[in-house]
C-alpha atoms as a PDB file:
ATOM      1  CA  MET A   1      61.048  33.765 220.125  1.00  0.00           C
ATOM      2  CA  LYS A   2      62.117  32.345 216.776  1.00  0.00           C
ATOM      3  CA  LYS A   3      60.402  33.457 213.630  1.00  0.00           C
ATOM      4  CA  HIS A   4      58.026  30.811 212.199  1.00  0.00           C
ATOM      5  CA  LEU A   5      57.456  30.669 208.435  1.00  0.00           C
ATOM      6  CA  GLU A   6      54.697  28.955 206.506  1.00  0.00           C
ATOM      7  CA  VAL A   7      56.044  27.922 203.113  1.00  0.00           C
ATOM      8  CA  VAL A   8      55.048  25.863 200.121  1.00  0.00           C
ATOM      9  CA  ALA A   9      57.284  23.659 197.988  1.00  0.00           C
ATOM     10  CA  ALA A  10      56.685  22.068 194.586  1.00  0.00           C
ATOM     11  CA  ILE A  11      57.798  18.538 193.784  1.00  0.00           C
ATOM     12  CA  LEU A  12      57.976  19.008 190.040  1.00  0.00           C
ATOM     13  CA  GLU A  13      57.792  15.728 188.159  1.00  0.00           C
ATOM     14  CA  TYR A  14      58.340  15.202 184.453  1.00  0.00           C
ATOM     15  CA  ASP A  15      58.806  11.832 182.735  1.00  0.00           C
ATOM     16  CA  GLY A  16      59.545  10.065 186.031  1.00  0.00           C
ATOM     17  CA  LYS A  17      62.193  12.551 187.128  1.00  0.00           C
ATOM     18  CA  ILE A  18      62.002  15.178 189.861  1.00  0.00           C
ATOM     19  CA  LEU A  19      63.405  18.707 189.611  1.00  0.00           C
ATOM     20  CA  CYS A  20      65.986  19.439 192.309  1.00  0.00           C
ATOM     21  CA  MET A  21      66.962  23.138 192.589  1.00  0.00           C
ATOM     22  CA  GLN A  22      70.128  24.451 194.220  1.00  0.00           C
ATOM     23  CA  ARG A  23      69.909  27.584 196.321  1.00  0.00           C
ATOM     24  CA  GLY A  24      72.441  30.319 196.006  1.00  0.00           C
ATOM     25  CA  CYS A  25      74.400  31.973 198.808  1.00  0.00           C
ATOM     26  CA  GLY A  26      71.952  33.171 201.410  1.00  0.00           C
ATOM     27  CA  LYS A  27      71.663  34.822 204.796  1.00  0.00           C
ATOM     28  CA  TYR A  28      72.234  31.522 206.621  1.00  0.00           C
ATOM     29  CA  ASP A  29      75.141  29.224 205.742  1.00  0.00           C
ATOM     30  CA  TYR A  30      73.150  26.104 206.719  1.00  0.00           C
ATOM     31  CA  VAL A  31      70.792  26.560 203.749  1.00  0.00           C
ATOM     32  CA  SER A  32      73.195  28.253 201.313  1.00  0.00           C
ATOM     33  CA  PHE A  33      73.968  26.144 198.211  1.00  0.00           C
ATOM     34  CA  LYS A  34      71.716  23.325 199.460  1.00  0.00           C
ATOM     35  CA  TYR A  35      69.279  21.567 197.170  1.00  0.00           C
ATOM     36  CA  GLU A  36      65.566  22.141 197.711  1.00  0.00           C
ATOM     37  CA  PHE A  37      62.173  21.828 196.119  1.00  0.00           C
ATOM     38  CA  PRO A  38      61.270  25.238 194.667  1.00  0.00           C
ATOM     39  CA  GLY A  39      58.646  27.357 196.421  1.00  0.00           C
ATOM     40  CA  GLY A  40      58.433  30.086 198.977  1.00  0.00           C
ATOM     41  CA  LYS A  41      56.512  31.893 201.643  1.00  0.00           C
ATOM     42  CA  ILE A  42      52.722  31.903 201.742  1.00  0.00           C
ATOM     43  CA  GLU A  43      51.443  35.474 201.697  1.00  0.00           C
ATOM     44  CA  ALA A  44      48.774  36.638 204.166  1.00  0.00           C
ATOM     45  CA  GLY A  45      45.356  35.326 203.142  1.00  0.00           C
ATOM     46  CA  GLU A  46      46.789  33.243 200.293  1.00  0.00           C
ATOM     47  CA  ALA A  47      45.708  29.628 199.769  1.00  0.00           C
ATOM     48  CA  LYS A  48      48.542  27.104 199.730  1.00  0.00           C
ATOM     49  CA  HIS A  49      47.923  26.008 196.119  1.00  0.00           C
ATOM     50  CA  THR A  50      47.746  29.606 194.881  1.00  0.00           C
ATOM     51  CA  ALA A  51      51.019  30.372 196.705  1.00  0.00           C
ATOM     52  CA  ILE A  52      52.760  27.515 194.876  1.00  0.00           C
ATOM     53  CA  GLU A  53      51.343  28.632 191.524  1.00  0.00           C
ATOM     54  CA  ARG A  54      52.573  32.210 192.152  1.00  0.00           C
ATOM     55  CA  GLU A  55      56.038  31.140 193.347  1.00  0.00           C
ATOM     56  CA  LEU A  56      56.550  28.891 190.282  1.00  0.00           C
ATOM     57  CA  ARG A  57      55.502  31.718 187.969  1.00  0.00           C
ATOM     58  CA  GLU A  58      57.789  34.225 189.706  1.00  0.00           C
ATOM     59  CA  GLU A  59      60.861  31.987 190.236  1.00  0.00           C
ATOM     60  CA  MET A  60      60.736  29.765 187.177  1.00  0.00           C
ATOM     61  CA  ASN A  61      58.203  31.047 184.665  1.00  0.00           C
ATOM     62  CA  VAL A  62      56.259  27.788 185.100  1.00  0.00           C
ATOM     63  CA  HIS A  63      52.507  28.068 184.699  1.00  0.00           C
ATOM     64  CA  ILE A  64      50.559  25.159 186.258  1.00  0.00           C
ATOM     65  CA  LYS A  65      47.368  24.580 188.151  1.00  0.00           C
ATOM     66  CA  VAL A  66      47.799  23.096 191.602  1.00  0.00           C
ATOM     67  CA  ASN A  67      45.012  21.552 193.722  1.00  0.00           C
ATOM     68  CA  GLU A  68      44.910  21.334 197.495  1.00  0.00           C
ATOM     69  CA  LYS A  69      44.483  17.535 197.068  1.00  0.00           C
ATOM     70  CA  ASP A  70      47.984  17.398 195.489  1.00  0.00           C
ATOM     71  CA  LEU A  71      49.527  17.899 198.958  1.00  0.00           C
ATOM     72  CA  TYR A  72      52.222  15.242 199.237  1.00  0.00           C
ATOM     73  CA  MET A  73      53.377  15.864 202.818  1.00  0.00           C
ATOM     74  CA  THR A  74      53.878  18.523 205.462  1.00  0.00           C
ATOM     75  CA  VAL A  75      57.251  19.005 207.195  1.00  0.00           C
ATOM     76  CA  HIS A  76      57.894  20.925 210.442  1.00  0.00           C
ATOM     77  CA  HIS A  77      61.536  21.847 210.838  1.00  0.00           C
ATOM     78  CA  GLU A  78      63.512  23.851 213.366  1.00  0.00           C
ATOM     79  CA  TYR A  79      66.507  25.644 211.910  1.00  0.00           C
ATOM     80  CA  PRO A  80      68.888  27.473 214.316  1.00  0.00           C
ATOM     81  CA  ASP A  81      67.350  30.903 213.560  1.00  0.00           C
ATOM     82  CA  PHE A  82      63.769  30.147 212.502  1.00  0.00           C
ATOM     83  CA  SER A  83      61.257  27.327 212.205  1.00  0.00           C
ATOM     84  CA  ILE A  84      59.188  26.380 209.187  1.00  0.00           C
ATOM     85  CA  THR A  85      56.094  24.441 208.278  1.00  0.00           C
ATOM     86  CA  MET A  86      56.471  23.384 204.668  1.00  0.00           C
ATOM     87  CA  TYR A  87      53.624  22.074 202.581  1.00  0.00           C
ATOM     88  CA  ALA A  88      54.964  20.068 199.648  1.00  0.00           C
ATOM     89  CA  PHE A  89      52.749  19.597 196.598  1.00  0.00           C
ATOM     90  CA  LEU A  90      53.285  16.989 193.897  1.00  0.00           C
ATOM     91  CA  CYS A  91      53.006  18.670 190.503  1.00  0.00           C
ATOM     92  CA  HIS A  92      53.188  16.878 187.160  1.00  0.00           C
ATOM     93  CA  LEU A  93      54.611  19.023 184.369  1.00  0.00           C
ATOM     94  CA  ALA A  94      53.553  18.752 180.731  1.00  0.00           C
ATOM     95  CA  SER A  95      56.995  20.039 179.662  1.00  0.00           C
ATOM     96  CA  PRO A  96      60.413  20.161 181.336  1.00  0.00           C
ATOM     97  CA  ASP A  97      60.987  23.784 180.330  1.00  0.00           C
ATOM     98  CA  PHE A  98      61.543  26.483 182.930  1.00  0.00           C
ATOM     99  CA  ILE A  99      63.685  29.550 183.445  1.00  0.00           C
ATOM    100  CA  ARG A 100      66.057  29.431 186.398  1.00  0.00           C
ATOM    101  CA  LYS A 101      65.811  32.940 187.923  1.00  0.00           C
ATOM    102  CA  GLU A 102      66.727  32.487 191.571  1.00  0.00           C
ATOM    103  CA  HIS A 103      68.649  29.218 191.796  1.00  0.00           C
ATOM    104  CA  VAL A 104      72.253  28.521 190.873  1.00  0.00           C
ATOM    105  CA  ASP A 105      71.719  25.016 189.574  1.00  0.00           C
ATOM    106  CA  ALA A 106      68.935  22.548 188.745  1.00  0.00           C
ATOM    107  CA  LYS A 107      68.967  18.805 188.083  1.00  0.00           C
ATOM    108  CA  TRP A 108      66.298  16.422 186.875  1.00  0.00           C
ATOM    109  CA  LEU A 109      66.870  13.187 188.825  1.00  0.00           C
ATOM    110  CA  LEU A 110      65.151   9.868 189.276  1.00  0.00           C
ATOM    111  CA  PRO A 111      63.821   9.648 192.843  1.00  0.00           C
ATOM    112  CA  GLN A 112      66.327   6.977 193.813  1.00  0.00           C
ATOM    113  CA  ASP A 113      69.242   9.213 192.733  1.00  0.00           C
ATOM    114  CA  MET A 114      68.129  12.212 194.800  1.00  0.00           C
ATOM    115  CA  PRO A 115      69.940  11.225 198.064  1.00  0.00           C
ATOM    116  CA  GLN A 116      73.295  11.914 196.386  1.00  0.00           C
ATOM    117  CA  LEU A 117      72.647  15.691 196.562  1.00  0.00           C
ATOM    118  CA  ASP A 118      73.254  17.915 199.587  1.00  0.00           C
ATOM    119  CA  TRP A 119      69.713  18.848 200.613  1.00  0.00           C
ATOM    120  CA  ALA A 120      68.413  21.621 202.897  1.00  0.00           C
ATOM    121  CA  ALA A 121      67.416  19.972 206.171  1.00  0.00           C
ATOM    122  CA  ALA A 122      63.694  20.719 205.869  1.00  0.00           C
ATOM    123  CA  ASP A 123      63.595  19.178 202.385  1.00  0.00           C
ATOM    124  CA  ILE A 124      65.243  15.897 203.410  1.00  0.00           C
ATOM    125  CA  PRO A 125      62.088  14.101 204.660  1.00  0.00           C
ATOM    126  CA  ILE A 126      60.317  14.866 201.376  1.00  0.00           C
ATOM    127  CA  MET A 127      63.297  13.682 199.316  1.00  0.00           C
ATOM    128  CA  GLN A 128      63.523  10.487 201.420  1.00  0.00           C
ATOM    129  CA  LYS A 129      59.839   9.684 201.020  1.00  0.00           C
ATOM    130  CA  LEU A 130      60.088  10.219 197.227  1.00  0.00           C
ATOM    131  CA  ALA A 131      63.240   8.050 197.044  1.00  0.00           C
ATOM    132  CA  GLN A 132      61.585   5.433 199.335  1.00  0.00           C
ATOM    133  CA  TYR A 133      64.846   5.774 201.227  1.00  0.00           C
END
């Protein structure tokens, strides 16, 4: 049986642009160096919005408040080695400043320019909805 992960992702918006983060080299080549929305696994007993706040603090030194009502969409995706349910939250930032701790690159793009990047498969439906693709 494949492992199933529950994860959260943040669609970080500032001044009409969305932050697209590039993963580094990972365990699986099909997600290595792909672009994604930052986030991570939900810990046992953790609410989705608190998970996103914690992940953004840990990965990017971004401190924001997220509400459950900010849920933008939920994606179910089957990768070859695991499946995920990803809850993507729309978060408006007061400042574009962050520290890139875990990603190899980051770009602020207008939604319509996001399809030009090479996205992780699970993040594609979110990117397409944002880009009205």
